[in-house]
Amino acid sequence: MIIQNMCGNWERAGSVGMATHGAFAQEISSKSLAHGFATFNTLYKDTGIFGIYARGESKKAPELVKTILRNMMEYCKTVWDGRMDGPL
């Protein structure tokens, strides 16, 4: 749930549009890699699923996937208690 809150959701046509404040959403919006994305987290008794659903042009999909994976790996390296106060 923490990583879901850190990534957030973003929609290009939304009220925030390109002026989003999270670094993850800023990178995707500044490079016009997607029309929007949403994160999801489903909890089960002893496990869970986290994912990102992104919508965009098929020709930009490879770069979008690379960007998502790179950001997820960066979160693994740089997240600590003090960084959990807001979006990255």
Protein backbone atom coordinates (compact mmCIF):
# COMPACT_ATOMS: atom_id res chain seq x y z
CA MET A 1 0.00 0.00 0.00
CA ILE A 2 2.90 2.33 0.64
CA ILE A 3 4.30 2.08 -2.87
CA GLN A 4 0.78 2.55 -4.24
CA ASN A 5 0.49 5.84 -2.37
CA MET A 6 3.96 6.90 -3.48
CA CYS A 7 3.24 6.28 -7.18
CA GLY A 8 -0.32 7.54 -7.07
CA ASN A 9 -2.50 7.88 -10.14
CA TRP A 10 -2.29 10.33 -13.01
CA GLU A 11 -4.55 11.26 -15.90
CA ARG A 12 -3.38 13.63 -18.64
CA ALA A 13 -6.93 14.88 -19.23
CA GLY A 14 -7.51 15.39 -15.49
CA SER A 15 -7.49 18.70 -13.67
CA VAL A 16 -3.77 18.39 -12.81
CA GLY A 17 -2.75 17.35 -16.32
CA MET A 18 0.93 17.91 -17.00
CA ALA A 19 1.45 19.85 -13.72
CA THR A 20 1.59 16.79 -11.48
CA HIS A 21 3.82 16.89 -8.40
CA GLY A 22 5.06 13.27 -8.10
CA ALA A 23 8.38 12.52 -9.82
CA PHE A 24 7.06 9.25 -11.24
CA ALA A 25 4.04 10.96 -12.83
CA GLN A 26 6.15 13.95 -13.89
CA GLU A 27 8.50 11.74 -15.87
CA ILE A 28 5.67 9.94 -17.62
CA SER A 29 3.80 13.17 -18.37
CA SER A 30 6.85 15.21 -19.46
CA LYS A 31 7.83 12.52 -21.97
CA SER A 32 4.18 11.99 -23.04
CA LEU A 33 4.62 8.26 -22.49
CA ALA A 34 0.99 7.59 -21.48
CA HIS A 35 -2.46 9.09 -21.38
CA GLY A 36 -2.68 8.07 -17.73
CA PHE A 37 -1.88 5.40 -15.17
CA ALA A 38 -3.39 3.94 -12.05
CA THR A 39 -1.82 1.83 -9.34
CA PHE A 40 -3.60 -0.99 -7.58
CA ASN A 41 -2.97 -3.12 -4.53
CA THR A 42 -4.95 -6.20 -3.56
CA LEU A 43 -4.40 -7.85 -0.19
CA TYR A 44 -5.02 -11.51 0.56
CA LYS A 45 -4.62 -13.52 3.75
CA ASP A 46 -0.87 -14.05 3.44
CA THR A 47 0.16 -12.34 0.21
CA GLY A 48 -0.84 -9.53 -2.12
CA ILE A 49 -0.63 -8.09 -5.61
CA PHE A 50 0.61 -4.66 -6.64
CA GLY A 51 0.49 -3.36 -10.17
CA ILE A 52 0.35 -0.39 -12.47
CA TYR A 53 -2.22 -0.05 -15.21
CA ALA A 54 -1.14 2.43 -17.91
CA ARG A 55 -2.92 3.64 -21.03
CA GLY A 56 -1.21 5.15 -24.03
CA GLU A 57 0.01 4.72 -27.59
CA SER A 58 1.40 1.30 -28.51
CA LYS A 59 4.53 2.81 -30.12
CA LYS A 60 5.49 4.34 -26.74
CA ALA A 61 4.80 1.16 -24.74
CA PRO A 62 8.44 -0.08 -24.65
CA GLU A 63 9.70 3.23 -23.23
CA LEU A 64 6.76 3.41 -20.80
CA VAL A 65 7.48 -0.10 -19.47
CA LYS A 66 11.20 0.72 -19.08
CA THR A 67 10.30 3.92 -17.20
CA ILE A 68 7.91 2.10 -14.86
CA LEU A 69 10.43 -0.67 -14.13
CA ARG A 70 13.30 1.77 -13.58
CA ASN A 71 11.20 3.81 -11.14
CA MET A 72 10.13 0.68 -9.24
CA MET A 73 13.78 -0.39 -8.90
CA GLU A 74 14.69 3.12 -7.73
CA TYR A 75 12.01 2.94 -5.04
CA CYS A 76 13.57 -0.33 -3.84
CA LYS A 77 16.92 1.43 -3.39
CA THR A 78 15.86 4.81 -2.03
CA VAL A 79 12.78 4.40 0.17
CA TRP A 80 13.18 4.82 3.91
CA ASP A 81 10.87 6.00 6.68
CA GLY A 82 11.49 9.72 6.07
CA ARG A 83 10.55 9.44 2.38
CA MET A 84 7.06 8.14 3.08
CA ASP A 85 5.55 11.53 3.86
CA GLY A 86 4.38 12.26 0.31
CA PRO A 87 4.79 11.46 -3.38
CA LEU A 88 8.28 11.01 -4.77
